[in-house]
Amino acid sequence: MKYYKVAKTNGFDFHTGKTINYRKNIGKTVKCQNKNGSSLCSDEVIHASEHLFQALQYGELPCSIFEVDGNPIQEQSDKLGFKEFRVIREIPTENWFRAYCDIMKYMLEDVKNNFDNKKHKQVTDEVNQTIQ
């Protein structure tokens, strides 16, 4: 299964900025530097997300985006922890405006889906109009 990892524009991780250069490891397997433990919100695993938009919340724009493949050992709703994964490819990010619009659509759809449409028809209508 493919997952998404965001990194700095130079290819290095956001956490330390110097631990793993994902760009230089395309086609290779990268491993967590801390071999002990498996806590998700720590340096004991490397992180990726099942959905691109989830991964983007763990970095800042502009960033590099990588498609990775591996077996997660920890999971939460928006990120996964791995001891290692293979860096498959870098996803081109030349068109940041389109990516931004896609993120906004995703977030607006999420807002719309969390409203009771009968009680909040005006909100739903406004979200639909914004998306279009």
Foldseek 3Di string as FASTA:
>chain_A
DKWKAKDAAQQHHPPPRPDDRLQVQAQHKDFQPQCDDFDPPDSNFDKTFRDPLLNDVVHDPPIKMWIWDDDFPADDDRMTTHRMIHTHDIDDCPPVVVVVLVSLLVVLVVVLVPDPCVVPVVSNVVSVVVND
